PDB file of N, CA and C in Angstrom:
ATOM      1  N   UNK A   1       8.410   8.440   0.628  1.00  0.00           N
ATOM      2  CA  UNK A   1       8.870   7.118   0.296  1.00  0.00           C
ATOM      3  C   UNK A   1      10.386   7.024   0.409  1.00  0.00           C
ATOM      4  N   UNK A   2      11.072   8.042  -0.057  1.00  0.00           N
ATOM      5  CA  UNK A   2      12.529   8.031   0.025  1.00  0.00           C
ATOM      6  C   UNK A   2      12.993   7.938   1.475  1.00  0.00           C
ATOM      7  N   UNK A   3      12.305   8.636   2.368  1.00  0.00           N
ATOM      8  CA  UNK A   3      12.655   8.609   3.783  1.00  0.00           C
ATOM      9  C   UNK A   3      12.503   7.205   4.361  1.00  0.00           C
ATOM     10  N   UNK A   4      11.435   6.515   3.974  1.00  0.00           N
ATOM     11  CA  UNK A   4      11.212   5.146   4.451  1.00  0.00           C
ATOM     12  C   UNK A   4      12.320   4.232   3.955  1.00  0.00           C
ATOM     13  N   UNK A   5      12.676   4.347   2.681  1.00  0.00           N
ATOM     14  CA  UNK A   5      13.718   3.492   2.107  1.00  0.00           C
ATOM     15  C   UNK A   5      15.103   3.819   2.658  1.00  0.00           C
ATOM     16  N   UNK A   6      15.456   5.097   2.690  1.00  0.00           N
ATOM     17  CA  UNK A   6      16.792   5.490   3.125  1.00  0.00           C
ATOM     18  C   UNK A   6      17.052   5.183   4.588  1.00  0.00           C
ATOM     19  N   UNK A   7      16.016   5.327   5.426  1.00  0.00           N
ATOM     20  CA  UNK A   7      16.186   5.118   6.861  1.00  0.00           C
ATOM     21  C   UNK A   7      15.632   3.782   7.333  1.00  0.00           C
ATOM     22  N   UNK A   8      15.205   2.946   6.371  1.00  0.00           N
ATOM     23  CA  UNK A   8      14.665   1.615   6.656  1.00  0.00           C
ATOM     24  C   UNK A   8      13.635   1.651   7.776  1.00  0.00           C
ATOM     25  N   UNK A   9      12.668   2.554   7.638  1.00  0.00           N
ATOM     26  CA  UNK A   9      11.617   2.708   8.637  1.00  0.00           C
ATOM     27  C   UNK A   9      10.563   1.619   8.455  1.00  0.00           C
ATOM     28  N   UNK A  10      10.357   0.864   9.514  1.00  0.00           N
ATOM     29  CA  UNK A  10       9.339  -0.166   9.501  1.00  0.00           C
ATOM     30  C   UNK A  10       8.049   0.417  10.048  1.00  0.00           C
ATOM     31  N   UNK A  11       6.919  -0.075   9.565  1.00  0.00           N
ATOM     32  CA  UNK A  11       5.673   0.422  10.103  1.00  0.00           C
ATOM     33  C   UNK A  11       4.467   0.112   9.252  1.00  0.00           C
ATOM     34  N   UNK A  12       3.394   0.744   9.644  1.00  0.00           N
ATOM     35  CA  UNK A  12       2.115   0.586   8.967  1.00  0.00           C
ATOM     36  C   UNK A  12       1.768   1.918   8.311  1.00  0.00           C
ATOM     37  N   UNK A  13       1.407   1.866   7.040  1.00  0.00           N
ATOM     38  CA  UNK A  13       1.156   3.087   6.287  1.00  0.00           C
ATOM     39  C   UNK A  13      -0.199   3.016   5.608  1.00  0.00           C
ATOM     40  N   UNK A  14      -0.913   4.134   5.575  1.00  0.00           N
ATOM     41  CA  UNK A  14      -2.202   4.225   4.892  1.00  0.00           C
ATOM     42  C   UNK A  14      -2.089   5.304   3.827  1.00  0.00           C
ATOM     43  N   UNK A  15      -2.468   4.949   2.615  1.00  0.00           N
ATOM     44  CA  UNK A  15      -2.469   5.890   1.501  1.00  0.00           C
ATOM     45  C   UNK A  15      -3.933   6.177   1.169  1.00  0.00           C
ATOM     46  N   UNK A  16      -4.295   7.440   1.147  1.00  0.00           N
ATOM     47  CA  UNK A  16      -5.673   7.838   0.871  1.00  0.00           C
ATOM     48  C   UNK A  16      -5.756   8.353  -0.557  1.00  0.00           C
ATOM     49  N   UNK A  17      -6.672   7.759  -1.328  1.00  0.00           N
ATOM     50  CA  UNK A  17      -6.787   8.177  -2.722  1.00  0.00           C
ATOM     51  C   UNK A  17      -8.103   7.698  -3.320  1.00  0.00           C
ATOM     52  N   UNK A  18      -8.690   8.488  -4.211  1.00  0.00           N
ATOM     53  CA  UNK A  18      -9.868   8.017  -4.937  1.00  0.00           C
ATOM     54  C   UNK A  18      -9.493   7.183  -6.164  1.00  0.00           C
ATOM     55  N   UNK A  19      -8.229   7.137  -6.480  1.00  0.00           N
ATOM     56  CA  UNK A  19      -7.760   6.534  -7.725  1.00  0.00           C
ATOM     57  C   UNK A  19      -7.420   5.055  -7.542  1.00  0.00           C
ATOM     58  N   UNK A  20      -7.928   4.207  -8.411  1.00  0.00           N
ATOM     59  CA  UNK A  20      -7.659   2.770  -8.341  1.00  0.00           C
ATOM     60  C   UNK A  20      -6.201   2.440  -8.650  1.00  0.00           C
ATOM     61  N   UNK A  21      -5.512   3.295  -9.382  1.00  0.00           N
ATOM     62  CA  UNK A  21      -4.099   3.059  -9.691  1.00  0.00           C
ATOM     63  C   UNK A  21      -3.233   3.053  -8.437  1.00  0.00           C
ATOM     64  N   UNK A  22      -3.715   3.653  -7.382  1.00  0.00           N
ATOM     65  CA  UNK A  22      -2.965   3.693  -6.131  1.00  0.00           C
ATOM     66  C   UNK A  22      -2.736   2.292  -5.573  1.00  0.00           C
ATOM     67  N   UNK A  23      -3.663   1.390  -5.801  1.00  0.00           N
ATOM     68  CA  UNK A  23      -3.497   0.007  -5.351  1.00  0.00           C
ATOM     69  C   UNK A  23      -2.289  -0.611  -6.045  1.00  0.00           C
ATOM     70  N   UNK A  24      -2.175  -0.418  -7.336  1.00  0.00           N
ATOM     71  CA  UNK A  24      -1.033  -0.969  -8.080  1.00  0.00           C
ATOM     72  C   UNK A  24       0.283  -0.323  -7.639  1.00  0.00           C
ATOM     73  N   UNK A  25       0.275   0.967  -7.445  1.00  0.00           N
ATOM     74  CA  UNK A  25       1.482   1.655  -6.975  1.00  0.00           C
ATOM     75  C   UNK A  25       1.866   1.172  -5.583  1.00  0.00           C
ATOM     76  N   UNK A  26       0.881   0.938  -4.737  1.00  0.00           N
ATOM     77  CA  UNK A  26       1.160   0.437  -3.384  1.00  0.00           C
ATOM     78  C   UNK A  26       1.751  -0.965  -3.419  1.00  0.00           C
ATOM     79  N   UNK A  27       1.307  -1.777  -4.372  1.00  0.00           N
ATOM     80  CA  UNK A  27       1.902  -3.108  -4.534  1.00  0.00           C
ATOM     81  C   UNK A  27       3.378  -3.013  -4.906  1.00  0.00           C
ATOM     82  N   UNK A  28       3.710  -2.075  -5.773  1.00  0.00           N
ATOM     83  CA  UNK A  28       5.110  -1.865  -6.148  1.00  0.00           C
ATOM     84  C   UNK A  28       5.938  -1.405  -4.941  1.00  0.00           C
ATOM     85  N   UNK A  29       5.381  -0.497  -4.168  1.00  0.00           N
ATOM     86  CA  UNK A  29       6.077  -0.011  -2.970  1.00  0.00           C
ATOM     87  C   UNK A  29       6.283  -1.151  -1.980  1.00  0.00           C
ATOM     88  N   UNK A  30       5.234  -1.923  -1.744  1.00  0.00           N
ATOM     89  CA  UNK A  30       5.312  -3.055  -0.820  1.00  0.00           C
ATOM     90  C   UNK A  30       6.405  -4.035  -1.255  1.00  0.00           C
ATOM     91  N   UNK A  31       6.436  -4.345  -2.533  1.00  0.00           N
ATOM     92  CA  UNK A  31       7.441  -5.271  -3.061  1.00  0.00           C
ATOM     93  C   UNK A  31       8.853  -4.716  -2.893  1.00  0.00           C
ATOM     94  N   UNK A  32       9.038  -3.431  -3.162  1.00  0.00           N
ATOM     95  CA  UNK A  32      10.360  -2.816  -3.021  1.00  0.00           C
ATOM     96  C   UNK A  32      10.835  -2.854  -1.567  1.00  0.00           C
ATOM     97  N   UNK A  33       9.938  -2.580  -0.634  1.00  0.00           N
ATOM     98  CA  UNK A  33      10.307  -2.631   0.777  1.00  0.00           C
ATOM     99  C   UNK A  33      10.636  -4.059   1.216  1.00  0.00           C
ATOM    100  N   UNK A  34       9.891  -5.034   0.704  1.00  0.00           N
ATOM    101  CA  UNK A  34      10.193  -6.435   1.024  1.00  0.00           C
ATOM    102  C   UNK A  34      11.583  -6.829   0.523  1.00  0.00           C
ATOM    103  N   UNK A  35      11.916  -6.403  -0.688  1.00  0.00           N
ATOM    104  CA  UNK A  35      13.243  -6.718  -1.242  1.00  0.00           C
ATOM    105  C   UNK A  35      14.360  -6.069  -0.434  1.00  0.00           C
ATOM    106  N   UNK A  36      14.070  -4.919   0.201  1.00  0.00           N
ATOM    107  CA  UNK A  36      15.054  -4.244   1.053  1.00  0.00           C
ATOM    108  C   UNK A  36      14.965  -4.698   2.504  1.00  0.00           C
ATOM    109  N   UNK A  37      14.167  -5.764   2.754  1.00  0.00           N
ATOM    110  CA  UNK A  37      14.001  -6.346   4.090  1.00  0.00           C
ATOM    111  C   UNK A  37      13.510  -5.322   5.114  1.00  0.00           C
ATOM    112  N   UNK A  38      12.563  -4.516   4.694  1.00  0.00           N
ATOM    113  CA  UNK A  38      11.934  -3.534   5.572  1.00  0.00           C
ATOM    114  C   UNK A  38      10.514  -4.019   5.838  1.00  0.00           C
ATOM    115  N   UNK A  39      10.249  -4.386   7.099  1.00  0.00           N
ATOM    116  CA  UNK A  39       8.940  -4.890   7.487  1.00  0.00           C
ATOM    117  C   UNK A  39       7.916  -3.764   7.396  1.00  0.00           C
ATOM    118  N   UNK A  40       6.823  -4.004   6.700  1.00  0.00           N
ATOM    119  CA  UNK A  40       5.835  -2.956   6.498  1.00  0.00           C
ATOM    120  C   UNK A  40       4.461  -3.534   6.253  1.00  0.00           C
ATOM    121  N   UNK A  41       3.478  -2.712   6.402  1.00  0.00           N
ATOM    122  CA  UNK A  41       2.132  -3.055   5.965  1.00  0.00           C
ATOM    123  C   UNK A  41       1.512  -1.799   5.375  1.00  0.00           C
ATOM    124  N   UNK A  42       0.855  -1.983   4.259  1.00  0.00           N
ATOM    125  CA  UNK A  42       0.245  -0.878   3.542  1.00  0.00           C
ATOM    126  C   UNK A  42      -1.245  -1.114   3.397  1.00  0.00           C
ATOM    127  N   UNK A  43      -1.976  -0.044   3.548  1.00  0.00           N
ATOM    128  CA  UNK A  43      -3.409  -0.050   3.305  1.00  0.00           C
ATOM    129  C   UNK A  43      -3.727   1.124   2.394  1.00  0.00           C
ATOM    130  N   UNK A  44      -4.720   0.938   1.555  1.00  0.00           N
ATOM    131  CA  UNK A  44      -5.200   2.032   0.717  1.00  0.00           C
ATOM    132  C   UNK A  44      -6.638   2.314   1.136  1.00  0.00           C
ATOM    133  N   UNK A  45      -6.885   3.544   1.509  1.00  0.00           N
ATOM    134  CA  UNK A  45      -8.246   3.988   1.791  1.00  0.00           C
ATOM    135  C   UNK A  45      -8.753   4.607   0.498  1.00  0.00           C
ATOM    136  N   UNK A  46      -9.625   3.883  -0.165  1.00  0.00           N
ATOM    137  CA  UNK A  46     -10.111   4.298  -1.477  1.00  0.00           C
ATOM    138  C   UNK A  46     -11.548   4.766  -1.352  1.00  0.00           C
ATOM    139  N   UNK A  47     -11.860   5.832  -2.021  1.00  0.00           N
ATOM    140  CA  UNK A  47     -13.217   6.357  -1.957  1.00  0.00           C
ATOM    141  C   UNK A  47     -13.639   6.908  -3.310  1.00  0.00           C
ATOM    142  N   UNK A  48     -14.919   6.951  -3.492  1.00  0.00           N
ATOM    143  CA  UNK A  48     -15.500   7.518  -4.699  1.00  0.00           C
ATOM    144  C   UNK A  48     -16.040   8.889  -4.328  1.00  0.00           C
ATOM    145  N   UNK A  49     -15.677   9.887  -5.044  1.00  0.00           N
ATOM    146  CA  UNK A  49     -16.097  11.257  -4.728  1.00  0.00           C
ATOM    147  C   UNK A  49     -17.608  11.437  -4.801  1.00  0.00           C
ATOM    148  N   UNK A  50     -18.284  10.613  -5.576  1.00  0.00           N
ATOM    149  CA  UNK A  50     -19.733  10.734  -5.735  1.00  0.00           C
ATOM    150  C   UNK A  50     -20.521   9.857  -4.773  1.00  0.00           C
ATOM    151  N   UNK A  51     -19.830   9.113  -3.935  1.00  0.00           N
ATOM    152  CA  UNK A  51     -20.481   8.159  -3.045  1.00  0.00           C
ATOM    153  C   UNK A  51     -19.880   8.292  -1.646  1.00  0.00           C
ATOM    154  N   UNK A  52     -20.621   7.925  -0.639  1.00  0.00           N
ATOM    155  CA  UNK A  52     -20.096   8.001   0.729  1.00  0.00           C
ATOM    156  C   UNK A  52     -19.361   6.724   1.124  1.00  0.00           C
ATOM    157  N   UNK A  53     -19.465   5.695   0.313  1.00  0.00           N
ATOM    158  CA  UNK A  53     -18.832   4.413   0.623  1.00  0.00           C
ATOM    159  C   UNK A  53     -17.314   4.491   0.445  1.00  0.00           C
ATOM    160  N   UNK A  54     -16.606   3.897   1.403  1.00  0.00           N
ATOM    161  CA  UNK A  54     -15.149   3.859   1.355  1.00  0.00           C
ATOM    162  C   UNK A  54     -14.680   2.410   1.459  1.00  0.00           C
ATOM    163  N   UNK A  55     -13.536   2.131   0.886  1.00  0.00           N
ATOM    164  CA  UNK A  55     -12.952   0.792   0.941  1.00  0.00           C
ATOM    165  C   UNK A  55     -11.574   0.889   1.578  1.00  0.00           C
ATOM    166  N   UNK A  56     -11.264  -0.065   2.442  1.00  0.00           N
ATOM    167  CA  UNK A  56      -9.911  -0.186   2.974  1.00  0.00           C
ATOM    168  C   UNK A  56      -9.331  -1.455   2.363  1.00  0.00           C
ATOM    169  N   UNK A  57      -8.258  -1.296   1.627  1.00  0.00           N
ATOM    170  CA  UNK A  57      -7.637  -2.412   0.910  1.00  0.00           C
ATOM    171  C   UNK A  57      -6.316  -2.748   1.580  1.00  0.00           C
ATOM    172  N   UNK A  58      -6.188  -3.988   2.022  1.00  0.00           N
ATOM    173  CA  UNK A  58      -4.960  -4.466   2.644  1.00  0.00           C
ATOM    174  C   UNK A  58      -4.011  -4.911   1.528  1.00  0.00           C
ATOM    175  N   UNK A  59      -2.977  -4.136   1.295  1.00  0.00           N
ATOM    176  CA  UNK A  59      -2.062  -4.399   0.179  1.00  0.00           C
ATOM    177  C   UNK A  59      -1.303  -5.707   0.367  1.00  0.00           C
ATOM    178  N   UNK A  60      -0.974  -6.059   1.593  1.00  0.00           N
ATOM    179  CA  UNK A  60      -0.261  -7.308   1.857  1.00  0.00           C
ATOM    180  C   UNK A  60      -1.119  -8.508   1.436  1.00  0.00           C
ATOM    181  N   UNK A  61      -2.424  -8.457   1.720  1.00  0.00           N
ATOM    182  CA  UNK A  61      -3.314  -9.534   1.304  1.00  0.00           C
ATOM    183  C   UNK A  61      -3.436  -9.603  -0.217  1.00  0.00           C
ATOM    184  N   UNK A  62      -3.528  -8.469  -0.862  1.00  0.00           N
ATOM    185  CA  UNK A  62      -3.581  -8.439  -2.329  1.00  0.00           C
ATOM    186  C   UNK A  62      -2.296  -9.041  -2.899  1.00  0.00           C
ATOM    187  N   UNK A  63      -1.161  -8.658  -2.311  1.00  0.00           N
ATOM    188  CA  UNK A  63       0.150  -9.172  -2.736  1.00  0.00           C
ATOM    189  C   UNK A  63       0.210 -10.684  -2.595  1.00  0.00           C
ATOM    190  N   UNK A  64      -0.228 -11.188  -1.452  1.00  0.00           N
ATOM    191  CA  UNK A  64      -0.209 -12.643  -1.206  1.00  0.00           C
ATOM    192  C   UNK A  64      -1.103 -13.377  -2.200  1.00  0.00           C
ATOM    193  N   UNK A  65      -2.284 -12.809  -2.487  1.00  0.00           N
ATOM    194  CA  UNK A  65      -3.202 -13.447  -3.436  1.00  0.00           C
ATOM    195  C   UNK A  65      -2.620 -13.482  -4.847  1.00  0.00           C
ATOM    196  N   UNK A  66      -1.932 -12.440  -5.221  1.00  0.00           N
ATOM    197  CA  UNK A  66      -1.338 -12.397  -6.555  1.00  0.00           C
ATOM    198  C   UNK A  66      -0.144 -13.350  -6.656  1.00  0.00           C
ATOM    199  N   UNK A  67       0.660 -13.412  -5.612  1.00  0.00           N
ATOM    200  CA  UNK A  67       1.882 -14.207  -5.652  1.00  0.00           C
ATOM    201  C   UNK A  67       1.649 -15.699  -5.431  1.00  0.00           C
ATOM    202  N   UNK A  68       0.471 -16.077  -4.960  1.00  0.00           N
ATOM    203  CA  UNK A  68       0.226 -17.523  -4.710  1.00  0.00           C
ATOM    204  C   UNK A  68      -0.444 -18.186  -5.886  1.00  0.00           C
TER     205      UNK A  68
END
């Protein structure tokens, strides 16, 4: 994260985690990058260890839904 902020790297990032808290942390990261005018998109690949089902969460869409 520090590398992205310090070098203002724009891009698309995927965070893989079974933890639902990762969505909230990704929202904070997305907001911080927006405030620093760094174009980005974040996705969280969330999975349950006991299930084969996986979810891809578009953090930008979650952000827009919360902010509107």
